[in-house]
Amino acid sequence: MRAITFLHVAGSEALDVYNSFQWNEDGDNLGIAEIMEKFERYCNPGKNLTFERHSFLTRRQQEGEMIDAYVTDLRNKASPCEYGDLKDGLTRDIIVCEIRDDLLRARSLRESELTLEKCVDICRTVKVSMAKMKELSAEKAVNVMKEKERKTERKFSSSSGINSTCQFCGYKHRNGCCPAFGKTCNSCKKVNHFAKMCKAQKKKVYVVKGETTTAEDPFFTGTVNMPQAANRDWLACKPAMI
């Protein structure tokens, strides 16, 4: 019934091709598997079975190729090889022999009854576990590195006076890292300090007729010279003493 349905759906041209087939035994012309095999050979007359099998048997896993992609390609290459019931077993054997990872090979060889499905499952499981272990190892390494950096920073901070304000630049920094080192002060023109921390700037000098005093003195005296005429005018305007 399936054969008749197939030929009806395939059309008149397929039916003509079907009528040209030679059958080995009576009844083969009604078996769907035999009909499909005949059409396969008819559509691919130039198939080289030896070449197809060589391509399948020598298929090695490439560097960086995922296991699922490798197994899929192996199955596709095995289809035209006409291995029949041996196809899955041969596919399994090629995976075990040609897989790049020695750990996966060793794990597969420990199974006494290894099927193709079990072989693929083992490869997938081991790969996932290895990826997880690698991720955990990387995370652990990062945490160890961060902890070392924190310990080094705490040790350096406690011994270097990083929390004190520098008298030369006015900032907090590690010893030997003063940004004012080598810089010229805009106030006194000396080096190795900023103007805002300049000690000379804190003592502003006032000059009164050649005599000097500083802003730090609470009181200071000086002389004021005035012209004689101005002096007389000032005296003339002075109110009388009572």
C-alpha atoms as a PDB file:
ATOM      1  CA  MET A   1       0.000   0.000   0.000  1.00  0.00           C
ATOM      2  CA  ARG A   2       2.833   2.416   0.847  1.00  0.00           C
ATOM      3  CA  ALA A   3       4.556   1.624  -2.442  1.00  0.00           C
ATOM      4  CA  ILE A   4       1.417   2.383  -4.437  1.00  0.00           C
ATOM      5  CA  THR A   5       0.879   5.649  -2.577  1.00  0.00           C
ATOM      6  CA  PHE A   6       4.509   6.659  -3.195  1.00  0.00           C
ATOM      7  CA  LEU A   7       4.314   5.979  -6.915  1.00  0.00           C
ATOM      8  CA  HIS A   8       1.014   7.857  -7.162  1.00  0.00           C
ATOM      9  CA  VAL A   9       2.456  10.928  -5.439  1.00  0.00           C
ATOM     10  CA  ALA A  10       5.730  10.747  -7.400  1.00  0.00           C
ATOM     11  CA  GLY A  11       3.923  11.199 -10.708  1.00  0.00           C
ATOM     12  CA  SER A  12       3.938   9.663 -14.169  1.00  0.00           C
ATOM     13  CA  GLU A  13       7.645  10.213 -14.858  1.00  0.00           C
ATOM     14  CA  ALA A  14       8.628   8.414 -11.682  1.00  0.00           C
ATOM     15  CA  LEU A  15       6.238   5.603 -12.620  1.00  0.00           C
ATOM     16  CA  ASP A  16       7.985   5.210 -15.995  1.00  0.00           C
ATOM     17  CA  VAL A  17      11.335   4.947 -14.215  1.00  0.00           C
ATOM     18  CA  TYR A  18       9.845   2.429 -11.792  1.00  0.00           C
ATOM     19  CA  ASN A  19       8.655   0.241 -14.671  1.00  0.00           C
ATOM     20  CA  SER A  20      12.241   0.107 -16.006  1.00  0.00           C
ATOM     21  CA  PHE A  21      13.682  -1.372 -12.822  1.00  0.00           C
ATOM     22  CA  GLN A  22      14.891  -4.985 -12.667  1.00  0.00           C
ATOM     23  CA  TRP A  23      13.971  -6.892  -9.521  1.00  0.00           C
ATOM     24  CA  ASN A  24      15.942  -9.709  -7.925  1.00  0.00           C
ATOM     25  CA  GLU A  25      12.998 -11.496  -6.349  1.00  0.00           C
ATOM     26  CA  ASP A  26       9.289 -11.502  -6.750  1.00  0.00           C
ATOM     27  CA  GLY A  27       7.604  -9.067  -4.447  1.00  0.00           C
ATOM     28  CA  ASP A  28      10.549  -6.659  -4.269  1.00  0.00           C
ATOM     29  CA  ASN A  29       8.669  -4.321  -6.600  1.00  0.00           C
ATOM     30  CA  LEU A  30       6.082  -3.801  -3.863  1.00  0.00           C
ATOM     31  CA  GLY A  31       8.468  -3.169  -0.949  1.00  0.00           C
ATOM     32  CA  ILE A  32       8.924   0.523  -0.171  1.00  0.00           C
ATOM     33  CA  ALA A  33      12.521   0.017   0.990  1.00  0.00           C
ATOM     34  CA  GLU A  34      13.491  -1.783  -2.213  1.00  0.00           C
ATOM     35  CA  ILE A  35      11.761   0.851  -4.344  1.00  0.00           C
ATOM     36  CA  MET A  36      13.533   3.695  -2.508  1.00  0.00           C
ATOM     37  CA  GLU A  37      16.885   1.969  -2.925  1.00  0.00           C
ATOM     38  CA  LYS A  38      16.297   1.586  -6.662  1.00  0.00           C
ATOM     39  CA  PHE A  39      15.395   5.262  -7.012  1.00  0.00           C
ATOM     40  CA  GLU A  40      18.453   6.227  -4.941  1.00  0.00           C
ATOM     41  CA  ARG A  41      20.745   4.349  -7.290  1.00  0.00           C
ATOM     42  CA  TYR A  42      18.926   5.740 -10.297  1.00  0.00           C
ATOM     43  CA  CYS A  43      19.293   9.349  -9.091  1.00  0.00           C
ATOM     44  CA  ASN A  44      22.931   8.866  -8.085  1.00  0.00           C
ATOM     45  CA  PRO A  45      24.370   6.596 -10.767  1.00  0.00           C
ATOM     46  CA  GLY A  46      27.905   7.903 -10.361  1.00  0.00           C
ATOM     47  CA  LYS A  47      28.234   7.168  -6.657  1.00  0.00           C
ATOM     48  CA  ASN A  48      31.604   5.677  -5.760  1.00  0.00           C
ATOM     49  CA  LEU A  49      30.977   3.446  -2.755  1.00  0.00           C
ATOM     50  CA  THR A  50      34.677   3.023  -2.008  1.00  0.00           C
ATOM     51  CA  PHE A  51      35.195   6.770  -1.975  1.00  0.00           C
ATOM     52  CA  GLU A  52      32.159   7.329   0.256  1.00  0.00           C
ATOM     53  CA  ARG A  53      33.413   4.791   2.771  1.00  0.00           C
ATOM     54  CA  HIS A  54      36.915   6.216   2.716  1.00  0.00           C
ATOM     55  CA  SER A  55      35.521   9.698   3.398  1.00  0.00           C
ATOM     56  CA  PHE A  56      33.553   8.310   6.335  1.00  0.00           C
ATOM     57  CA  LEU A  57      36.231   6.099   7.855  1.00  0.00           C
ATOM     58  CA  THR A  58      38.942   8.788   7.742  1.00  0.00           C
ATOM     59  CA  ARG A  59      36.819  11.616   9.143  1.00  0.00           C
ATOM     60  CA  ARG A  60      38.726  13.081  12.082  1.00  0.00           C
ATOM     61  CA  GLN A  61      37.538  15.706  14.494  1.00  0.00           C
ATOM     62  CA  GLN A  62      38.973  19.087  13.573  1.00  0.00           C
ATOM     63  CA  GLU A  63      40.542  21.469  16.067  1.00  0.00           C
ATOM     64  CA  GLY A  64      37.842  23.553  17.743  1.00  0.00           C
ATOM     65  CA  GLU A  65      35.013  21.440  16.271  1.00  0.00           C
ATOM     66  CA  MET A  66      32.173  20.763  18.704  1.00  0.00           C
ATOM     67  CA  ILE A  67      31.247  17.149  19.378  1.00  0.00           C
ATOM     68  CA  ASP A  68      27.668  17.577  18.108  1.00  0.00           C
ATOM     69  CA  ALA A  69      28.851  18.994  14.784  1.00  0.00           C
ATOM     70  CA  TYR A  70      31.372  16.164  14.434  1.00  0.00           C
ATOM     71  CA  VAL A  71      28.790  13.431  15.108  1.00  0.00           C
ATOM     72  CA  THR A  72      26.275  15.004  12.705  1.00  0.00           C
ATOM     73  CA  ASP A  73      28.808  15.069   9.890  1.00  0.00           C
ATOM     74  CA  LEU A  74      29.816  11.476  10.591  1.00  0.00           C
ATOM     75  CA  ARG A  75      26.210  10.337  10.340  1.00  0.00           C
ATOM     76  CA  ASN A  76      25.742  12.187   7.070  1.00  0.00           C
ATOM     77  CA  LYS A  77      28.863  10.586   5.625  1.00  0.00           C
ATOM     78  CA  ALA A  78      27.758   7.144   6.802  1.00  0.00           C
ATOM     79  CA  SER A  79      24.371   7.307   5.050  1.00  0.00           C
ATOM     80  CA  PRO A  80      25.574   6.597   1.485  1.00  0.00           C
ATOM     81  CA  CYS A  81      28.045   3.903   2.612  1.00  0.00           C
ATOM     82  CA  GLU A  82      25.406   1.116   2.663  1.00  0.00           C
ATOM     83  CA  TYR A  83      26.578  -0.287   5.993  1.00  0.00           C
ATOM     84  CA  GLY A  84      23.086  -1.234   7.096  1.00  0.00           C
ATOM     85  CA  ASP A  85      22.991  -2.291  10.739  1.00  0.00           C
ATOM     86  CA  LEU A  86      26.734  -1.671  11.092  1.00  0.00           C
ATOM     87  CA  LYS A  87      26.394   2.074  10.573  1.00  0.00           C
ATOM     88  CA  ASP A  88      25.910   3.094  14.229  1.00  0.00           C
ATOM     89  CA  GLY A  89      28.638   0.788  15.505  1.00  0.00           C
ATOM     90  CA  LEU A  90      31.147   2.076  12.963  1.00  0.00           C
ATOM     91  CA  THR A  91      30.202   5.669  13.733  1.00  0.00           C
ATOM     92  CA  ARG A  92      30.815   5.002  17.431  1.00  0.00           C
ATOM     93  CA  ASP A  93      34.197   3.405  16.719  1.00  0.00           C
ATOM     94  CA  ILE A  94      35.340   6.356  14.591  1.00  0.00           C
ATOM     95  CA  ILE A  95      34.345   8.801  17.345  1.00  0.00           C
ATOM     96  CA  VAL A  96      36.386   6.877  19.915  1.00  0.00           C
ATOM     97  CA  CYS A  97      39.397   6.555  17.600  1.00  0.00           C
ATOM     98  CA  GLU A  98      39.432   9.985  15.974  1.00  0.00           C
ATOM     99  CA  ILE A  99      38.245  12.348  18.721  1.00  0.00           C
ATOM    100  CA  ARG A 100      40.941  14.873  19.654  1.00  0.00           C
ATOM    101  CA  ASP A 101      40.450  14.808  23.428  1.00  0.00           C
ATOM    102  CA  ASP A 102      42.311  11.929  25.115  1.00  0.00           C
ATOM    103  CA  LEU A 103      40.207  12.325  28.254  1.00  0.00           C
ATOM    104  CA  LEU A 104      37.005  11.696  26.302  1.00  0.00           C
ATOM    105  CA  ARG A 105      38.579   8.687  24.607  1.00  0.00           C
ATOM    106  CA  ALA A 106      39.677   7.183  27.925  1.00  0.00           C
ATOM    107  CA  ARG A 107      36.265   7.806  29.466  1.00  0.00           C
ATOM    108  CA  SER A 108      34.505   6.127  26.526  1.00  0.00           C
ATOM    109  CA  LEU A 109      36.795   3.102  26.570  1.00  0.00           C
ATOM    110  CA  ARG A 110      35.884   2.360  30.190  1.00  0.00           C
ATOM    111  CA  GLU A 111      32.341   1.450  29.116  1.00  0.00           C
ATOM    112  CA  SER A 112      31.943  -2.262  28.471  1.00  0.00           C
ATOM    113  CA  GLU A 113      28.715  -1.848  26.468  1.00  0.00           C
ATOM    114  CA  LEU A 114      29.266   1.398  24.649  1.00  0.00           C
ATOM    115  CA  THR A 115      26.564   2.349  22.154  1.00  0.00           C
ATOM    116  CA  LEU A 116      26.621   5.327  19.810  1.00  0.00           C
ATOM    117  CA  GLU A 117      24.091   7.209  21.925  1.00  0.00           C
ATOM    118  CA  LYS A 118      26.010   6.534  25.149  1.00  0.00           C
ATOM    119  CA  CYS A 119      29.282   7.560  23.513  1.00  0.00           C
ATOM    120  CA  VAL A 120      27.805  10.893  22.407  1.00  0.00           C
ATOM    121  CA  ASP A 121      26.261  11.471  25.854  1.00  0.00           C
ATOM    122  CA  ILE A 122      29.602  10.814  27.563  1.00  0.00           C
ATOM    123  CA  CYS A 123      31.370  13.276  25.287  1.00  0.00           C
ATOM    124  CA  ARG A 124      28.753  15.957  25.913  1.00  0.00           C
ATOM    125  CA  THR A 125      28.732  15.435  29.700  1.00  0.00           C
ATOM    126  CA  VAL A 126      32.503  15.455  30.053  1.00  0.00           C
ATOM    127  CA  LYS A 127      32.810  18.562  27.875  1.00  0.00           C
ATOM    128  CA  VAL A 128      30.255  20.440  29.959  1.00  0.00           C
ATOM    129  CA  SER A 129      31.976  19.360  33.186  1.00  0.00           C
ATOM    130  CA  MET A 130      35.370  20.450  31.875  1.00  0.00           C
ATOM    131  CA  ALA A 131      33.982  23.846  30.857  1.00  0.00           C
ATOM    132  CA  LYS A 132      32.465  24.308  34.326  1.00  0.00           C
ATOM    133  CA  MET A 133      35.716  23.313  36.032  1.00  0.00           C
ATOM    134  CA  LYS A 134      37.672  25.719  33.859  1.00  0.00           C
ATOM    135  CA  GLU A 135      35.216  28.512  34.665  1.00  0.00           C
ATOM    136  CA  LEU A 136      35.464  27.803  38.405  1.00  0.00           C
ATOM    137  CA  SER A 137      39.259  27.672  38.249  1.00  0.00           C
ATOM    138  CA  ALA A 138      39.383  31.015  36.455  1.00  0.00           C
ATOM    139  CA  GLU A 139      37.025  32.570  39.001  1.00  0.00           C
ATOM    140  CA  LYS A 140      39.087  31.185  41.876  1.00  0.00           C
ATOM    141  CA  ALA A 141      42.298  32.548  40.341  1.00  0.00           C
ATOM    142  CA  VAL A 142      40.722  35.991  40.002  1.00  0.00           C
ATOM    143  CA  ASN A 143      39.568  35.936  43.638  1.00  0.00           C
ATOM    144  CA  VAL A 144      43.026  34.884  44.832  1.00  0.00           C
ATOM    145  CA  MET A 145      44.619  37.681  42.822  1.00  0.00           C
ATOM    146  CA  LYS A 146      42.178  40.269  44.201  1.00  0.00           C
ATOM    147  CA  GLU A 147      42.828  39.093  47.762  1.00  0.00           C
ATOM    148  CA  LYS A 148      46.591  39.412  47.227  1.00  0.00           C
ATOM    149  CA  GLU A 149      46.120  42.929  45.881  1.00  0.00           C
ATOM    150  CA  ARG A 150      43.975  43.887  48.890  1.00  0.00           C
ATOM    151  CA  LYS A 151      46.568  42.511  51.330  1.00  0.00           C
ATOM    152  CA  THR A 152      49.386  44.316  49.524  1.00  0.00           C
ATOM    153  CA  GLU A 153      47.414  47.569  49.517  1.00  0.00           C
ATOM    154  CA  ARG A 154      46.614  47.276  53.232  1.00  0.00           C
ATOM    155  CA  LYS A 155      50.236  46.495  54.059  1.00  0.00           C
ATOM    156  CA  PHE A 156      51.546  49.337  51.936  1.00  0.00           C
ATOM    157  CA  SER A 157      48.946  51.749  53.254  1.00  0.00           C
ATOM    158  CA  SER A 158      49.751  50.997  56.890  1.00  0.00           C
ATOM    159  CA  SER A 159      53.503  51.443  56.400  1.00  0.00           C
ATOM    160  CA  SER A 160      53.673  54.265  53.871  1.00  0.00           C
ATOM    161  CA  GLY A 161      51.671  57.014  55.577  1.00  0.00           C
ATOM    162  CA  ILE A 162      49.217  57.188  52.717  1.00  0.00           C
ATOM    163  CA  ASN A 163      46.520  58.683  54.949  1.00  0.00           C
ATOM    164  CA  SER A 164      48.564  61.766  55.919  1.00  0.00           C
ATOM    165  CA  THR A 165      48.424  65.052  53.985  1.00  0.00           C
ATOM    166  CA  CYS A 166      51.672  65.901  52.231  1.00  0.00           C
ATOM    167  CA  GLN A 167      53.291  69.207  53.332  1.00  0.00           C
ATOM    168  CA  PHE A 168      54.664  69.808  49.850  1.00  0.00           C
ATOM    169  CA  CYS A 169      51.612  69.248  47.595  1.00  0.00           C
ATOM    170  CA  GLY A 170      48.666  69.270  50.007  1.00  0.00           C
ATOM    171  CA  TYR A 171      47.335  65.876  48.827  1.00  0.00           C
ATOM    172  CA  LYS A 172      47.347  62.337  50.218  1.00  0.00           C
ATOM    173  CA  HIS A 173      49.619  59.899  48.383  1.00  0.00           C
ATOM    174  CA  ARG A 174      52.117  57.121  48.888  1.00  0.00           C
ATOM    175  CA  ASN A 175      55.652  57.898  49.933  1.00  0.00           C
ATOM    176  CA  GLY A 176      57.837  58.773  46.996  1.00  0.00           C
ATOM    177  CA  CYS A 177      54.863  59.675  44.787  1.00  0.00           C
ATOM    178  CA  CYS A 178      54.532  63.420  45.509  1.00  0.00           C
ATOM    179  CA  PRO A 179      53.228  65.244  42.400  1.00  0.00           C
ATOM    180  CA  ALA A 180      55.070  68.396  43.490  1.00  0.00           C
ATOM    181  CA  PHE A 181      58.480  66.759  43.223  1.00  0.00           C
ATOM    182  CA  GLY A 182      60.533  68.576  40.576  1.00  0.00           C
ATOM    183  CA  LYS A 183      57.883  71.292  40.119  1.00  0.00           C
ATOM    184  CA  THR A 184      58.645  75.017  40.555  1.00  0.00           C
ATOM    185  CA  CYS A 185      56.589  77.033  43.018  1.00  0.00           C
ATOM    186  CA  ASN A 186      54.711  79.904  41.368  1.00  0.00           C
ATOM    187  CA  SER A 187      55.176  82.007  44.496  1.00  0.00           C
ATOM    188  CA  CYS A 188      58.792  81.706  45.606  1.00  0.00           C
ATOM    189  CA  LYS A 189      60.144  80.089  42.412  1.00  0.00           C
ATOM    190  CA  LYS A 190      61.770  77.293  44.376  1.00  0.00           C
ATOM    191  CA  VAL A 191      61.301  73.641  43.514  1.00  0.00           C
ATOM    192  CA  ASN A 192      59.619  70.583  45.026  1.00  0.00           C
ATOM    193  CA  HIS A 193      56.422  72.192  46.354  1.00  0.00           C
ATOM    194  CA  PHE A 194      53.229  73.855  45.136  1.00  0.00           C
ATOM    195  CA  ALA A 195      52.378  77.498  45.731  1.00  0.00           C
ATOM    196  CA  LYS A 196      49.465  76.681  48.017  1.00  0.00           C
ATOM    197  CA  MET A 197      51.886  74.941  50.402  1.00  0.00           C
ATOM    198  CA  CYS A 198      54.613  77.583  50.051  1.00  0.00           C
ATOM    199  CA  LYS A 199      55.884  78.745  53.442  1.00  0.00           C
ATOM    200  CA  ALA A 200      57.199  81.998  52.014  1.00  0.00           C
ATOM    201  CA  GLN A 201      53.705  82.919  50.827  1.00  0.00           C
ATOM    202  CA  LYS A 202      52.402  82.768  54.375  1.00  0.00           C
ATOM    203  CA  LYS A 203      54.653  85.721  55.349  1.00  0.00           C
ATOM    204  CA  LYS A 204      53.492  88.673  53.243  1.00  0.00           C
ATOM    205  CA  VAL A 205      55.828  91.661  53.511  1.00  0.00           C
ATOM    206  CA  TYR A 206      54.603  95.268  53.842  1.00  0.00           C
ATOM    207  CA  VAL A 207      57.031  98.062  52.975  1.00  0.00           C
ATOM    208  CA  VAL A 208      56.677 101.570  54.464  1.00  0.00           C
ATOM    209  CA  LYS A 209      59.390 103.964  53.420  1.00  0.00           C
ATOM    210  CA  GLY A 210      62.129 101.390  53.341  1.00  0.00           C
ATOM    211  CA  GLU A 211      61.165  99.739  56.604  1.00  0.00           C
ATOM    212  CA  THR A 212      59.625  96.218  56.505  1.00  0.00           C
ATOM    213  CA  THR A 213      57.278  94.252  58.641  1.00  0.00           C
ATOM    214  CA  THR A 214      55.252  91.077  58.224  1.00  0.00           C
ATOM    215  CA  ALA A 215      51.605  90.217  58.558  1.00  0.00           C
ATOM    216  CA  GLU A 216      52.489  87.966  61.444  1.00  0.00           C
ATOM    217  CA  ASP A 217      53.380  91.010  63.626  1.00  0.00           C
ATOM    218  CA  PRO A 218      50.272  92.144  65.566  1.00  0.00           C
ATOM    219  CA  PHE A 219      51.531  95.756  65.605  1.00  0.00           C
ATOM    220  CA  PHE A 220      54.099  97.650  63.619  1.00  0.00           C
ATOM    221  CA  THR A 221      55.286 101.217  63.374  1.00  0.00           C
ATOM    222  CA  GLY A 222      56.799 103.226  60.592  1.00  0.00           C
ATOM    223  CA  THR A 223      57.480 106.772  59.498  1.00  0.00           C
ATOM    224  CA  VAL A 224      55.462 108.893  57.164  1.00  0.00           C
ATOM    225  CA  ASN A 225      57.251 111.797  55.488  1.00  0.00           C
ATOM    226  CA  MET A 226      55.163 114.675  54.239  1.00  0.00           C
ATOM    227  CA  PRO A 227      56.185 117.884  52.428  1.00  0.00           C
ATOM    228  CA  GLN A 228      56.650 120.930  54.677  1.00  0.00           C
ATOM    229  CA  ALA A 229      53.782 122.851  53.070  1.00  0.00           C
ATOM    230  CA  ALA A 230      51.420 119.973  53.542  1.00  0.00           C
ATOM    231  CA  ASN A 231      52.594 119.664  57.122  1.00  0.00           C
ATOM    232  CA  ARG A 232      51.771 123.346  57.826  1.00  0.00           C
ATOM    233  CA  ASP A 233      48.348 122.951  56.257  1.00  0.00           C
ATOM    234  CA  TRP A 234      47.638 119.960  58.405  1.00  0.00           C
ATOM    235  CA  LEU A 235      48.750 121.810  61.538  1.00  0.00           C
ATOM    236  CA  ALA A 236      46.598 124.798  60.593  1.00  0.00           C
ATOM    237  CA  CYS A 237      43.562 122.592  60.362  1.00  0.00           C
ATOM    238  CA  LYS A 238      44.281 120.901  63.679  1.00  0.00           C
ATOM    239  CA  PRO A 239      41.598 121.782  66.247  1.00  0.00           C
ATOM    240  CA  ALA A 240      42.650 123.729  69.291  1.00  0.00           C
ATOM    241  CA  MET A 241      43.419 121.759  72.377  1.00  0.00           C
ATOM    242  CA  ILE A 242      41.099 122.499  75.344  1.00  0.00           C
END
